[in-house]
PDB file of N, CA and C in Angstrom:
ATOM      1  N   MET A   1     -17.811  -6.808  -0.015  1.00  0.00           N
ATOM      2  CA  MET A   1     -18.000  -5.015   0.366  1.00  0.00           C
ATOM      3  C   MET A   1     -15.588  -4.618   1.660  1.00  0.00           C
ATOM      4  N   PHE A   2     -16.072  -5.109   2.931  1.00  0.00           N
ATOM      5  CA  PHE A   2     -14.608  -5.135   2.893  1.00  0.00           C
ATOM      6  C   PHE A   2     -13.851  -6.523   2.476  1.00  0.00           C
ATOM      7  N   ARG A   3     -12.512  -6.157   2.643  1.00  0.00           N
ATOM      8  CA  ARG A   3     -11.933  -7.205   2.452  1.00  0.00           C
ATOM      9  C   ARG A   3     -11.251  -7.433   3.773  1.00  0.00           C
ATOM     10  N   THR A   4     -10.572  -8.857   3.489  1.00  0.00           N
ATOM     11  CA  THR A   4      -9.474  -9.124   5.362  1.00  0.00           C
ATOM     12  C   THR A   4      -8.684  -7.732   5.346  1.00  0.00           C
ATOM     13  N   SER A   5      -7.988  -8.063   4.543  1.00  0.00           N
ATOM     14  CA  SER A   5      -7.011  -6.809   4.283  1.00  0.00           C
ATOM     15  C   SER A   5      -6.674  -5.442   4.921  1.00  0.00           C
ATOM     16  N   ASP A   6      -8.172  -5.003   4.376  1.00  0.00           N
ATOM     17  CA  ASP A   6      -9.038  -3.989   4.572  1.00  0.00           C
ATOM     18  C   ASP A   6      -9.030  -3.580   6.010  1.00  0.00           C
ATOM     19  N   ILE A   7      -9.481  -4.728   7.213  1.00  0.00           N
ATOM     20  CA  ILE A   7      -9.746  -4.833   8.314  1.00  0.00           C
ATOM     21  C   ILE A   7      -8.969  -4.964   9.008  1.00  0.00           C
ATOM     22  N   VAL A   8      -7.708  -5.639   8.250  1.00  0.00           N
ATOM     23  CA  VAL A   8      -6.485  -5.518   9.128  1.00  0.00           C
ATOM     24  C   VAL A   8      -6.100  -4.477   8.942  1.00  0.00           C
ATOM     25  N   LEU A   9      -5.908  -3.425   7.826  1.00  0.00           N
ATOM     26  CA  LEU A   9      -5.442  -2.610   8.552  1.00  0.00           C
ATOM     27  C   LEU A   9      -6.079  -1.183   8.958  1.00  0.00           C
ATOM     28  N   ILE A  10      -7.329  -1.382   8.935  1.00  0.00           N
ATOM     29  CA  ILE A  10      -8.316  -0.404  10.204  1.00  0.00           C
ATOM     30  C   ILE A  10      -7.951  -0.328  11.426  1.00  0.00           C
ATOM     31  N   ALA A  11      -7.925  -2.034  11.751  1.00  0.00           N
ATOM     32  CA  ALA A  11      -7.351  -2.170  13.271  1.00  0.00           C
ATOM     33  C   ALA A  11      -5.803  -2.149  13.119  1.00  0.00           C
ATOM     34  N   VAL A  12      -4.868  -2.571  12.498  1.00  0.00           N
ATOM     35  CA  VAL A  12      -3.554  -2.063  12.998  1.00  0.00           C
ATOM     36  C   VAL A  12      -3.430  -0.322  12.796  1.00  0.00           C
ATOM     37  N   MET A  13      -4.830   0.657  12.480  1.00  0.00           N
ATOM     38  CA  MET A  13      -4.355   2.129  12.640  1.00  0.00           C
ATOM     39  C   MET A  13      -4.913   1.955  14.065  1.00  0.00           C
ATOM     40  N   VAL A  14      -6.220   2.068  14.261  1.00  0.00           N
ATOM     41  CA  VAL A  14      -6.740   1.726  15.011  1.00  0.00           C
ATOM     42  C   VAL A  14      -5.859   1.500  16.361  1.00  0.00           C
ATOM     43  N   SER A  15      -4.950   0.977  16.637  1.00  0.00           N
ATOM     44  CA  SER A  15      -4.294   0.445  17.542  1.00  0.00           C
ATOM     45  C   SER A  15      -3.136   1.750  17.771  1.00  0.00           C
ATOM     46  N   ALA A  16      -2.732   1.623  16.468  1.00  0.00           N
ATOM     47  CA  ALA A  16      -1.755   2.733  17.029  1.00  0.00           C
ATOM     48  C   ALA A  16      -1.815   4.468  16.793  1.00  0.00           C
ATOM     49  N   ALA A  17      -3.363   3.714  16.374  1.00  0.00           N
ATOM     50  CA  ALA A  17      -3.513   5.825  17.201  1.00  0.00           C
ATOM     51  C   ALA A  17      -3.922   5.672  19.347  1.00  0.00           C
ATOM     52  N   ALA A  18      -4.737   4.822  19.293  1.00  0.00           N
ATOM     53  CA  ALA A  18      -4.216   4.205  20.630  1.00  0.00           C
ATOM     54  C   ALA A  18      -3.200   4.074  21.917  1.00  0.00           C
ATOM     55  N   LEU A  19      -1.741   3.634  20.795  1.00  0.00           N
ATOM     56  CA  LEU A  19      -0.636   3.786  21.066  1.00  0.00           C
ATOM     57  C   LEU A  19      -0.191   4.969  21.535  1.00  0.00           C
ATOM     58  N   THR A  20      -0.529   5.725  20.383  1.00  0.00           N
ATOM     59  CA  THR A  20       0.214   7.675  20.574  1.00  0.00           C
ATOM     60  C   THR A  20      -1.076   8.325  21.595  1.00  0.00           C
ATOM     61  N   TYR A  21      -1.872   7.692  21.503  1.00  0.00           N
ATOM     62  CA  TYR A  21      -2.613   8.875  22.464  1.00  0.00           C
ATOM     63  C   TYR A  21      -2.007   8.285  24.149  1.00  0.00           C
ATOM     64  N   LYS A  22      -2.044   6.910  24.076  1.00  0.00           N
ATOM     65  CA  LYS A  22      -1.216   6.506  25.551  1.00  0.00           C
ATOM     66  C   LYS A  22      -0.230   6.666  26.261  1.00  0.00           C
ATOM     67  N   THR A  23       0.558   7.342  24.709  1.00  0.00           N
ATOM     68  CA  THR A  23       1.787   7.425  24.741  1.00  0.00           C
ATOM     69  C   THR A  23       2.206   8.968  25.102  1.00  0.00           C
ATOM     70  N   LYS A  24       0.981  10.228  24.491  1.00  0.00           N
ATOM     71  CA  LYS A  24       1.409  11.210  24.828  1.00  0.00           C
ATOM     72  C   LYS A  24       0.860  11.905  26.510  1.00  0.00           C
ATOM     73  N   ARG A  25       0.026  10.824  26.476  1.00  0.00           N
ATOM     74  CA  ARG A  25      -0.580  11.298  27.700  1.00  0.00           C
ATOM     75  C   ARG A  25       0.425  10.878  28.742  1.00  0.00           C
ATOM     76  N   GLU A  26       0.874   9.665  28.934  1.00  0.00           N
ATOM     77  CA  GLU A  26       2.032   9.505  29.881  1.00  0.00           C
ATOM     78  C   GLU A  26       3.079  10.332  30.194  1.00  0.00           C
ATOM     79  N   ALA A  27       3.666  11.001  28.525  1.00  0.00           N
ATOM     80  CA  ALA A  27       4.276  12.404  28.338  1.00  0.00           C
ATOM     81  C   ALA A  27       4.167  13.703  29.303  1.00  0.00           C
ATOM     82  N   GLU A  28       2.607  13.213  28.876  1.00  0.00           N
ATOM     83  CA  GLU A  28       2.190  15.147  29.925  1.00  0.00           C
ATOM     84  C   GLU A  28       2.267  14.298  31.013  1.00  0.00           C
ATOM     85  N   GLU A  29       2.012  13.715  31.663  1.00  0.00           N
ATOM     86  CA  GLU A  29       1.859  13.148  32.828  1.00  0.00           C
ATOM     87  C   GLU A  29       3.136  13.335  33.514  1.00  0.00           C
ATOM     88  N   GLN A  30       4.417  13.166  32.870  1.00  0.00           N
ATOM     89  CA  GLN A  30       5.700  13.258  33.482  1.00  0.00           C
ATOM     90  C   GLN A  30       5.815  14.437  33.313  1.00  0.00           C
ATOM     91  N   LEU A  31       5.492  15.234  32.415  1.00  0.00           N
ATOM     92  CA  LEU A  31       5.792  16.544  32.156  1.00  0.00           C
ATOM     93  C   LEU A  31       5.447  17.529  33.360  1.00  0.00           C
ATOM     94  N   ALA A  32       4.280  17.569  33.840  1.00  0.00           N
ATOM     95  CA  ALA A  32       3.014  17.150  35.064  1.00  0.00           C
ATOM     96  C   ALA A  32       4.359  17.165  36.504  1.00  0.00           C
ATOM     97  N   THR A  33       4.770  16.252  36.386  1.00  0.00           N
ATOM     98  CA  THR A  33       5.437  15.847  37.581  1.00  0.00           C
ATOM     99  C   THR A  33       6.772  16.600  38.185  1.00  0.00           C
ATOM    100  N   VAL A  34       7.127  16.738  36.476  1.00  0.00           N
ATOM    101  CA  VAL A  34       8.658  17.600  36.505  1.00  0.00           C
ATOM    102  C   VAL A  34       8.635  18.430  37.195  1.00  0.00           C
ATOM    103  N   GLN A  35       7.054  19.574  35.957  1.00  0.00           N
ATOM    104  CA  GLN A  35       6.750  20.900  35.962  1.00  0.00           C
ATOM    105  C   GLN A  35       6.959  20.764  38.235  1.00  0.00           C
ATOM    106  N   LYS A  36       6.751  19.717  39.082  1.00  0.00           N
ATOM    107  CA  LYS A  36       5.793  19.950  40.204  1.00  0.00           C
ATOM    108  C   LYS A  36       7.513  20.143  40.832  1.00  0.00           C
ATOM    109  N   ILE A  37       7.837  18.978  40.304  1.00  0.00           N
ATOM    110  CA  ILE A  37       9.526  19.419  41.037  1.00  0.00           C
ATOM    111  C   ILE A  37       9.988  20.345  40.879  1.00  0.00           C
ATOM    112  N   HIS A  38      10.035  21.136  39.894  1.00  0.00           N
ATOM    113  CA  HIS A  38      10.753  22.135  39.576  1.00  0.00           C
ATOM    114  C   HIS A  38      10.062  23.745  40.357  1.00  0.00           C
ATOM    115  N   ALA A  39       8.581  23.037  40.810  1.00  0.00           N
ATOM    116  CA  ALA A  39       7.871  24.635  41.995  1.00  0.00           C
ATOM    117  C   ALA A  39       8.975  23.891  43.584  1.00  0.00           C
ATOM    118  N   GLN A  40       8.851  22.791  43.872  1.00  0.00           N
ATOM    119  CA  GLN A  40       9.262  22.388  44.282  1.00  0.00           C
ATOM    120  C   GLN A  40      11.052  23.063  44.852  1.00  0.00           C
ATOM    121  N   ILE A  41      11.454  22.862  44.105  1.00  0.00           N
ATOM    122  CA  ILE A  41      13.113  23.527  44.159  1.00  0.00           C
ATOM    123  C   ILE A  41      13.122  24.835  44.339  1.00  0.00           C
ATOM    124  N   ARG A  42      12.623  25.191  43.404  1.00  0.00           N
ATOM    125  CA  ARG A  42      11.974  26.680  43.412  1.00  0.00           C
ATOM    126  C   ARG A  42      11.510  27.659  45.257  1.00  0.00           C
ATOM    127  N   TYR A  43      10.395  26.585  45.913  1.00  0.00           N
ATOM    128  CA  TYR A  43       9.880  26.555  46.927  1.00  0.00           C
ATOM    129  C   TYR A  43      11.727  27.065  48.647  1.00  0.00           C
ATOM    130  N   GLU A  44      12.158  25.404  47.744  1.00  0.00           N
ATOM    131  CA  GLU A  44      13.298  25.404  48.513  1.00  0.00           C
ATOM    132  C   GLU A  44      14.349  26.342  48.918  1.00  0.00           C
ATOM    133  N   GLU A  45      14.334  26.379  47.429  1.00  0.00           N
ATOM    134  CA  GLU A  45      15.748  27.768  47.237  1.00  0.00           C
ATOM    135  C   GLU A  45      14.883  29.381  47.579  1.00  0.00           C
ATOM    136  N   ASP A  46      13.994  29.238  47.691  1.00  0.00           N
ATOM    137  CA  ASP A  46      14.029  30.424  48.121  1.00  0.00           C
ATOM    138  C   ASP A  46      13.531  30.390  49.520  1.00  0.00           C
ATOM    139  N   THR A  47      12.892  29.518  50.570  1.00  0.00           N
ATOM    140  CA  THR A  47      12.676  29.401  51.662  1.00  0.00           C
ATOM    141  C   THR A  47      14.383  29.284  52.002  1.00  0.00           C
ATOM    142  N   ILE A  48      15.648  29.213  51.591  1.00  0.00           N
ATOM    143  CA  ILE A  48      17.305  28.692  51.871  1.00  0.00           C
ATOM    144  C   ILE A  48      17.159  30.130  52.016  1.00  0.00           C
ATOM    145  N   ASP A  49      17.427  30.866  50.603  1.00  0.00           N
ATOM    146  CA  ASP A  49      17.035  32.364  50.838  1.00  0.00           C
ATOM    147  C   ASP A  49      17.125  33.267  52.300  1.00  0.00           C
ATOM    148  N   LEU A  50      15.647  33.184  51.953  1.00  0.00           N
ATOM    149  CA  LEU A  50      15.208  33.802  53.240  1.00  0.00           C
ATOM    150  C   LEU A  50      15.783  33.447  54.825  1.00  0.00           C
ATOM    151  N   LEU A  51      16.071  31.980  55.195  1.00  0.00           N
ATOM    152  CA  LEU A  51      16.694  31.749  55.736  1.00  0.00           C
ATOM    153  C   LEU A  51      18.053  32.289  56.228  1.00  0.00           C
ATOM    154  N   LYS A  52      18.565  32.577  54.650  1.00  0.00           N
ATOM    155  CA  LYS A  52      20.189  33.211  54.824  1.00  0.00           C
ATOM    156  C   LYS A  52      20.130  34.281  54.879  1.00  0.00           C
ATOM    157  N   ALA A  53      19.045  35.434  54.819  1.00  0.00           N
ATOM    158  CA  ALA A  53      18.322  36.404  54.987  1.00  0.00           C
ATOM    159  C   ALA A  53      18.467  36.827  56.238  1.00  0.00           C
ATOM    160  N   ASP A  54      17.185  35.797  57.169  1.00  0.00           N
ATOM    161  CA  ASP A  54      17.722  36.063  58.712  1.00  0.00           C
ATOM    162  C   ASP A  54      18.862  35.859  59.408  1.00  0.00           C
ATOM    163  N   TRP A  55      18.929  34.809  58.584  1.00  0.00           N
ATOM    164  CA  TRP A  55      20.680  34.303  59.918  1.00  0.00           C
ATOM    165  C   TRP A  55      21.992  35.530  59.591  1.00  0.00           C
ATOM    166  N   SER A  56      22.041  36.506  58.649  1.00  0.00           N
ATOM    167  CA  SER A  56      22.581  37.479  58.661  1.00  0.00           C
ATOM    168  C   SER A  56      21.993  38.605  59.606  1.00  0.00           C
ATOM    169  N   LEU A  57      20.129  38.680  59.735  1.00  0.00           N
ATOM    170  CA  LEU A  57      19.962  39.755  60.435  1.00  0.00           C
ATOM    171  C   LEU A  57      19.967  39.480  61.467  1.00  0.00           C
ATOM    172  N   LEU A  58      20.391  37.957  61.987  1.00  0.00           N
ATOM    173  CA  LEU A  58      20.330  37.822  63.951  1.00  0.00           C
ATOM    174  C   LEU A  58      21.959  37.504  64.219  1.00  0.00           C
ATOM    175  N   THR A  59      22.909  38.003  63.219  1.00  0.00           N
ATOM    176  CA  THR A  59      24.202  37.862  63.823  1.00  0.00           C
ATOM    177  C   THR A  59      24.889  38.832  63.388  1.00  0.00           C
ATOM    178  N   GLN A  60      24.544  40.336  63.409  1.00  0.00           N
ATOM    179  CA  GLN A  60      24.770  41.433  62.548  1.00  0.00           C
ATOM    180  C   GLN A  60      25.408  42.314  64.133  1.00  0.00           C
ATOM    181  N   PRO A  61      26.504  41.807  64.337  1.00  0.00           N
ATOM    182  CA  PRO A  61      27.996  42.566  65.428  1.00  0.00           C
ATOM    183  C   PRO A  61      26.877  43.641  66.386  1.00  0.00           C
ATOM    184  N   SER A  62      25.891  44.398  65.632  1.00  0.00           N
ATOM    185  CA  SER A  62      25.552  46.161  66.068  1.00  0.00           C
ATOM    186  C   SER A  62      24.335  45.703  67.241  1.00  0.00           C
ATOM    187  N   ARG A  63      23.717  44.301  66.319  1.00  0.00           N
ATOM    188  CA  ARG A  63      22.761  43.254  67.203  1.00  0.00           C
ATOM    189  C   ARG A  63      23.247  43.032  68.207  1.00  0.00           C
ATOM    190  N   LEU A  64      23.695  42.296  68.287  1.00  0.00           N
ATOM    191  CA  LEU A  64      25.010  41.068  68.994  1.00  0.00           C
ATOM    192  C   LEU A  64      24.811  42.123  70.344  1.00  0.00           C
ATOM    193  N   GLN A  65      25.793  43.131  69.340  1.00  0.00           N
ATOM    194  CA  GLN A  65      26.652  44.098  71.020  1.00  0.00           C
ATOM    195  C   GLN A  65      25.029  44.681  71.678  1.00  0.00           C
ATOM    196  N   ARG A  66      24.051  44.965  70.843  1.00  0.00           N
ATOM    197  CA  ARG A  66      22.695  45.805  71.841  1.00  0.00           C
ATOM    198  C   ARG A  66      22.363  44.277  72.757  1.00  0.00           C
ATOM    199  N   LEU A  67      22.561  43.270  72.359  1.00  0.00           N
ATOM    200  CA  LEU A  67      21.943  41.930  73.384  1.00  0.00           C
ATOM    201  C   LEU A  67      22.756  41.566  74.549  1.00  0.00           C
ATOM    202  N   THR A  68      23.718  41.851  74.043  1.00  0.00           N
ATOM    203  CA  THR A  68      24.948  41.734  75.446  1.00  0.00           C
ATOM    204  C   THR A  68      25.075  42.510  76.205  1.00  0.00           C
ATOM    205  N   GLU A  69      24.516  43.691  76.079  1.00  0.00           N
ATOM    206  CA  GLU A  69      24.697  44.780  76.658  1.00  0.00           C
ATOM    207  C   GLU A  69      23.331  44.720  77.620  1.00  0.00           C
ATOM    208  N   LEU A  70      21.847  44.227  76.611  1.00  0.00           N
ATOM    209  CA  LEU A  70      21.238  44.145  77.705  1.00  0.00           C
ATOM    210  C   LEU A  70      20.751  42.610  78.197  1.00  0.00           C
ATOM    211  N   TYR A  71      21.171  42.030  78.346  1.00  0.00           N
ATOM    212  CA  TYR A  71      21.602  40.935  79.330  1.00  0.00           C
ATOM    213  C   TYR A  71      22.962  40.010  79.708  1.00  0.00           C
ATOM    214  N   LYS A  72      24.005  41.332  80.062  1.00  0.00           N
ATOM    215  CA  LYS A  72      24.914  40.889  80.195  1.00  0.00           C
ATOM    216  C   LYS A  72      24.686  40.783  82.378  1.00  0.00           C
ATOM    217  N   SER A  73      23.572  41.658  82.846  1.00  0.00           N
ATOM    218  CA  SER A  73      23.570  41.091  83.840  1.00  0.00           C
ATOM    219  C   SER A  73      23.258  39.822  84.162  1.00  0.00           C
ATOM    220  N   GLN A  74      22.564  39.160  83.701  1.00  0.00           N
ATOM    221  CA  GLN A  74      21.245  38.162  83.832  1.00  0.00           C
ATOM    222  C   GLN A  74      22.617  37.056  83.107  1.00  0.00           C
ATOM    223  N   LEU A  75      23.288  36.934  82.451  1.00  0.00           N
ATOM    224  CA  LEU A  75      23.951  35.919  81.617  1.00  0.00           C
ATOM    225  C   LEU A  75      25.730  36.522  82.073  1.00  0.00           C
ATOM    226  N   ASP A  76      25.567  37.422  83.100  1.00  0.00           N
ATOM    227  CA  ASP A  76      26.935  37.398  84.041  1.00  0.00           C
ATOM    228  C   ASP A  76      28.235  37.042  82.841  1.00  0.00           C
ATOM    229  N   LEU A  77      28.219  37.721  81.262  1.00  0.00           N
ATOM    230  CA  LEU A  77      28.921  37.999  80.231  1.00  0.00           C
ATOM    231  C   LEU A  77      30.099  38.827  80.845  1.00  0.00           C
ATOM    232  N   GLU A  78      31.250  38.360  80.584  1.00  0.00           N
ATOM    233  CA  GLU A  78      32.493  39.017  80.580  1.00  0.00           C
ATOM    234  C   GLU A  78      33.243  39.303  79.199  1.00  0.00           C
ATOM    235  N   PRO A  79      34.305  39.989  78.623  1.00  0.00           N
ATOM    236  CA  PRO A  79      35.027  40.191  77.772  1.00  0.00           C
ATOM    237  C   PRO A  79      36.288  38.686  77.875  1.00  0.00           C
ATOM    238  N   VAL A  80      36.406  37.901  77.260  1.00  0.00           N
ATOM    239  CA  VAL A  80      37.603  36.999  77.166  1.00  0.00           C
ATOM    240  C   VAL A  80      38.815  37.797  77.391  1.00  0.00           C
ATOM    241  N   SER A  81      39.112  37.215  77.831  1.00  0.00           N
ATOM    242  CA  SER A  81      41.036  37.421  78.404  1.00  0.00           C
ATOM    243  C   SER A  81      41.739  36.978  77.411  1.00  0.00           C
ATOM    244  N   ALA A  82      42.751  36.984  77.260  1.00  0.00           N
ATOM    245  CA  ALA A  82      43.520  36.790  76.297  1.00  0.00           C
ATOM    246  C   ALA A  82      44.817  35.179  76.844  1.00  0.00           C
ATOM    247  N   HIS A  83      44.911  34.929  78.269  1.00  0.00           N
ATOM    248  CA  HIS A  83      44.919  33.592  78.907  1.00  0.00           C
ATOM    249  C   HIS A  83      43.760  32.362  78.914  1.00  0.00           C
ATOM    250  N   GLN A  84      42.404  33.634  78.097  1.00  0.00           N
ATOM    251  CA  GLN A  84      41.837  32.367  78.163  1.00  0.00           C
ATOM    252  C   GLN A  84      41.759  31.477  76.521  1.00  0.00           C
ATOM    253  N   ILE A  85      42.589  31.923  75.562  1.00  0.00           N
ATOM    254  CA  ILE A  85      42.319  31.204  74.295  1.00  0.00           C
ATOM    255  C   ILE A  85      43.669  30.659  74.409  1.00  0.00           C
ATOM    256  N   VAL A  86      43.403  28.988  73.734  1.00  0.00           N
ATOM    257  CA  VAL A  86      44.975  27.779  73.958  1.00  0.00           C
ATOM    258  C   VAL A  86      44.522  27.375  72.922  1.00  0.00           C
ATOM    259  N   GLY A  87      45.558  27.092  72.590  1.00  0.00           N
ATOM    260  CA  GLY A  87      45.412  26.304  71.861  1.00  0.00           C
ATOM    261  C   GLY A  87      44.948  24.362  71.385  1.00  0.00           C
ATOM    262  N   VAL A  88      45.095  23.405  70.333  1.00  0.00           N
ATOM    263  CA  VAL A  88      44.609  22.315  70.783  1.00  0.00           C
ATOM    264  C   VAL A  88      46.160  21.395  71.706  1.00  0.00           C
ATOM    265  N   GLY A  89      47.170  21.799  71.125  1.00  0.00           N
ATOM    266  CA  GLY A  89      47.947  20.974  72.375  1.00  0.00           C
ATOM    267  C   GLY A  89      47.839  21.171  73.781  1.00  0.00           C
ATOM    268  N   ASP A  90      47.212  22.272  74.059  1.00  0.00           N
ATOM    269  CA  ASP A  90      47.572  22.866  75.534  1.00  0.00           C
ATOM    270  C   ASP A  90      46.381  22.254  76.375  1.00  0.00           C
ATOM    271  N   LEU A  91      44.981  21.853  75.184  1.00  0.00           N
ATOM    272  CA  LEU A  91      44.462  20.747  76.345  1.00  0.00           C
ATOM    273  C   LEU A  91      44.664  19.781  77.154  1.00  0.00           C
ATOM    274  N   PRO A  92      44.338  19.490  77.894  1.00  0.00           N
ATOM    275  CA  PRO A  92      44.672  18.412  78.633  1.00  0.00           C
ATOM    276  C   PRO A  92      43.760  16.873  77.948  1.00  0.00           C
ATOM    277  N   ALA A  93      44.662  15.658  77.967  1.00  0.00           N
ATOM    278  CA  ALA A  93      44.171  14.482  77.334  1.00  0.00           C
ATOM    279  C   ALA A  93      42.710  13.866  78.468  1.00  0.00           C
ATOM    280  N   LYS A  94      42.029  13.599  77.720  1.00  0.00           N
ATOM    281  CA  LYS A  94      40.884  12.608  78.468  1.00  0.00           C
ATOM    282  C   LYS A  94      41.597  11.736  79.305  1.00  0.00           C
ATOM    283  N   ALA A  95      41.404  11.417  80.640  1.00  0.00           N
ATOM    284  CA  ALA A  95      42.040  10.319  81.304  1.00  0.00           C
ATOM    285  C   ALA A  95      41.117   9.135  81.039  1.00  0.00           C
ATOM    286  N   LEU A  96      41.902   7.918  80.833  1.00  0.00           N
ATOM    287  CA  LEU A  96      41.000   6.605  80.931  1.00  0.00           C
ATOM    288  C   LEU A  96      40.934   5.580  82.327  1.00  0.00           C
ATOM    289  N   ASP A  97      40.204   5.308  82.268  1.00  0.00           N
ATOM    290  CA  ASP A  97      39.643   4.311  83.193  1.00  0.00           C
ATOM    291  C   ASP A  97      40.416   3.219  82.822  1.00  0.00           C
ATOM    292  N   ILE A  98      39.711   1.931  83.837  1.00  0.00           N
ATOM    293  CA  ILE A  98      39.789   0.853  83.823  1.00  0.00           C
ATOM    294  C   ILE A  98      38.412   0.345  82.899  1.00  0.00           C
ATOM    295  N   GLN A  99      38.065   0.923  82.810  1.00  0.00           N
ATOM    296  CA  GLN A  99      36.776   0.374  81.742  1.00  0.00           C
ATOM    297  C   GLN A  99      36.854   0.460  80.687  1.00  0.00           C
ATOM    298  N   ASP A 100      37.437   1.856  80.386  1.00  0.00           N
ATOM    299  CA  ASP A 100      37.543   2.252  79.141  1.00  0.00           C
ATOM    300  C   ASP A 100      38.857   1.516  78.498  1.00  0.00           C
ATOM    301  N   ILE A 101      39.762   0.439  79.239  1.00  0.00           N
ATOM    302  CA  ILE A 101      40.783  -0.048  78.872  1.00  0.00           C
ATOM    303  C   ILE A 101      40.485  -1.693  78.186  1.00  0.00           C
ATOM    304  N   LEU A 102      39.639  -1.610  79.117  1.00  0.00           N
ATOM    305  CA  LEU A 102      38.914  -3.286  79.115  1.00  0.00           C
ATOM    306  C   LEU A 102      38.168  -3.217  77.591  1.00  0.00           C
ATOM    307  N   SER A 103      37.377  -2.315  77.554  1.00  0.00           N
ATOM    308  CA  SER A 103      36.446  -2.570  76.277  1.00  0.00           C
ATOM    309  C   SER A 103      37.073  -1.608  75.253  1.00  0.00           C
ATOM    310  N   GLY A 104      38.358  -1.821  75.100  1.00  0.00           N
ATOM    311  CA  GLY A 104      38.704  -1.446  74.042  1.00  0.00           C
ATOM    312  C   GLY A 104      38.792   0.280  73.961  1.00  0.00           C
ATOM    313  N   ARG A 105      38.150   1.403  74.147  1.00  0.00           N
ATOM    314  CA  ARG A 105      38.327   2.284  73.818  1.00  0.00           C
ATOM    315  C   ARG A 105      39.298   3.069  74.324  1.00  0.00           C
ATOM    316  N   GLN A 106      39.812   3.810  73.048  1.00  0.00           N
ATOM    317  CA  GLN A 106      41.170   5.097  74.106  1.00  0.00           C
ATOM    318  C   GLN A 106      40.646   6.585  73.849  1.00  0.00           C
ATOM    319  N   GLY A 107      39.890   6.915  74.428  1.00  0.00           N
ATOM    320  CA  GLY A 107      38.690   8.046  74.494  1.00  0.00           C
ATOM    321  C   GLY A 107      38.168   8.793  73.488  1.00  0.00           C
ATOM    322  N   GLY A 108      38.011   9.700  73.832  1.00  0.00           N
ATOM    323  CA  GLY A 108      37.085  10.404  72.473  1.00  0.00           C
ATOM    324  C   GLY A 108      35.675  10.026  72.465  1.00  0.00           C
ATOM    325  N   MET A 109      35.018   9.387  71.639  1.00  0.00           N
ATOM    326  CA  MET A 109      33.552   9.593  71.209  1.00  0.00           C
ATOM    327  C   MET A 109      33.887   7.787  71.245  1.00  0.00           C
ATOM    328  N   ALA A 110      33.081   7.223  72.709  1.00  0.00           N
ATOM    329  CA  ALA A 110      32.915   5.702  72.507  1.00  0.00           C
ATOM    330  C   ALA A 110      32.070   5.287  72.147  1.00  0.00           C
ATOM    331  N   GLU A 111      31.864   4.462  71.324  1.00  0.00           N
ATOM    332  CA  GLU A 111      30.701   3.690  70.969  1.00  0.00           C
ATOM    333  C   GLU A 111      30.053   3.361  72.387  1.00  0.00           C
ATOM    334  N   SER A 112      28.359   3.440  72.104  1.00  0.00           N
ATOM    335  CA  SER A 112      27.607   3.430  73.523  1.00  0.00           C
ATOM    336  C   SER A 112      26.310   3.088  72.725  1.00  0.00           C
ATOM    337  N   SER A 113      25.542   1.501  74.109  1.00  0.00           N
ATOM    338  CA  SER A 113      24.526   1.360  73.274  1.00  0.00           C
ATOM    339  C   SER A 113      22.785   2.284  73.505  1.00  0.00           C
ATOM    340  N   GLU A 114      23.516   3.208  74.315  1.00  0.00           N
ATOM    341  CA  GLU A 114      22.427   4.456  74.608  1.00  0.00           C
ATOM    342  C   GLU A 114      22.685   5.492  73.631  1.00  0.00           C
ATOM    343  N   LYS A 115      21.745   6.003  73.274  1.00  0.00           N
ATOM    344  CA  LYS A 115      21.360   7.258  71.902  1.00  0.00           C
ATOM    345  C   LYS A 115      22.078   8.019  72.579  1.00  0.00           C
ATOM    346  N   ASP A 116      22.482   9.181  71.612  1.00  0.00           N
ATOM    347  CA  ASP A 116      22.344  10.486  72.121  1.00  0.00           C
ATOM    348  C   ASP A 116      21.579  11.557  72.870  1.00  0.00           C
ATOM    349  N   PRO A 117      21.571  11.715  73.731  1.00  0.00           N
ATOM    350  CA  PRO A 117      19.521  12.961  74.545  1.00  0.00           C
ATOM    351  C   PRO A 117      20.165  13.870  73.644  1.00  0.00           C
ATOM    352  N   VAL A 118      20.653  14.492  72.848  1.00  0.00           N
ATOM    353  CA  VAL A 118      20.637  16.088  72.015  1.00  0.00           C
ATOM    354  C   VAL A 118      20.360  15.773  70.659  1.00  0.00           C
ATOM    355  N   VAL A 119      19.241  16.057  69.880  1.00  0.00           N
ATOM    356  CA  VAL A 119      18.385  15.754  68.763  1.00  0.00           C
ATOM    357  C   VAL A 119      18.916  16.782  68.236  1.00  0.00           C
ATOM    358  N   THR A 120      19.263  17.174  66.937  1.00  0.00           N
ATOM    359  CA  THR A 120      19.697  17.980  66.122  1.00  0.00           C
ATOM    360  C   THR A 120      19.292  17.548  64.427  1.00  0.00           C
ATOM    361  N   GLY A 121      19.155  18.475  63.854  1.00  0.00           N
ATOM    362  CA  GLY A 121      18.424  18.661  62.541  1.00  0.00           C
ATOM    363  C   GLY A 121      16.894  17.684  62.292  1.00  0.00           C
ATOM    364  N   GLY A 122      16.446  17.211  61.214  1.00  0.00           N
ATOM    365  CA  GLY A 122      15.367  17.206  61.066  1.00  0.00           C
ATOM    366  C   GLY A 122      15.067  15.146  61.109  1.00  0.00           C
ATOM    367  N   ILE A 123      16.044  14.762  61.649  1.00  0.00           N
ATOM    368  CA  ILE A 123      16.323  13.447  60.949  1.00  0.00           C
ATOM    369  C   ILE A 123      15.757  12.760  61.958  1.00  0.00           C
ATOM    370  N   ALA A 124      15.078  12.002  62.143  1.00  0.00           N
ATOM    371  CA  ALA A 124      14.424  10.999  63.090  1.00  0.00           C
ATOM    372  C   ALA A 124      15.165   9.365  63.646  1.00  0.00           C
ATOM    373  N   GLN A 125      15.570   9.586  65.085  1.00  0.00           N
ATOM    374  CA  GLN A 125      16.208   8.254  64.921  1.00  0.00           C
ATOM    375  C   GLN A 125      15.351   6.937  66.018  1.00  0.00           C
TER     376      GLN A 125
END
């Protein structure tokens, strides 16, 4: 009834159908992953746009002027005078002490074993 070649061809067709189904299923999973990532990107872009809008509202000069007038007595705010504005060359250099010279530090930000207590951003150290 069935010859050996018929059985082999049926096995090849079933294998090809199984491989095609598996490949299609993997492609659909990858497409779902890509769509999820695109949705996350859109959400992040919308969040960035919202934060930019908030920032522009918070930094409006009229709002800052109102806050300045409101809290002037508490913050002891005064207008900046012309003698307070200097160039970088007018700033005094940091004095070196003997420990800086012995350790090879030449001023500025020195490498230290202790961590900076100011935490910024969302990166944990």
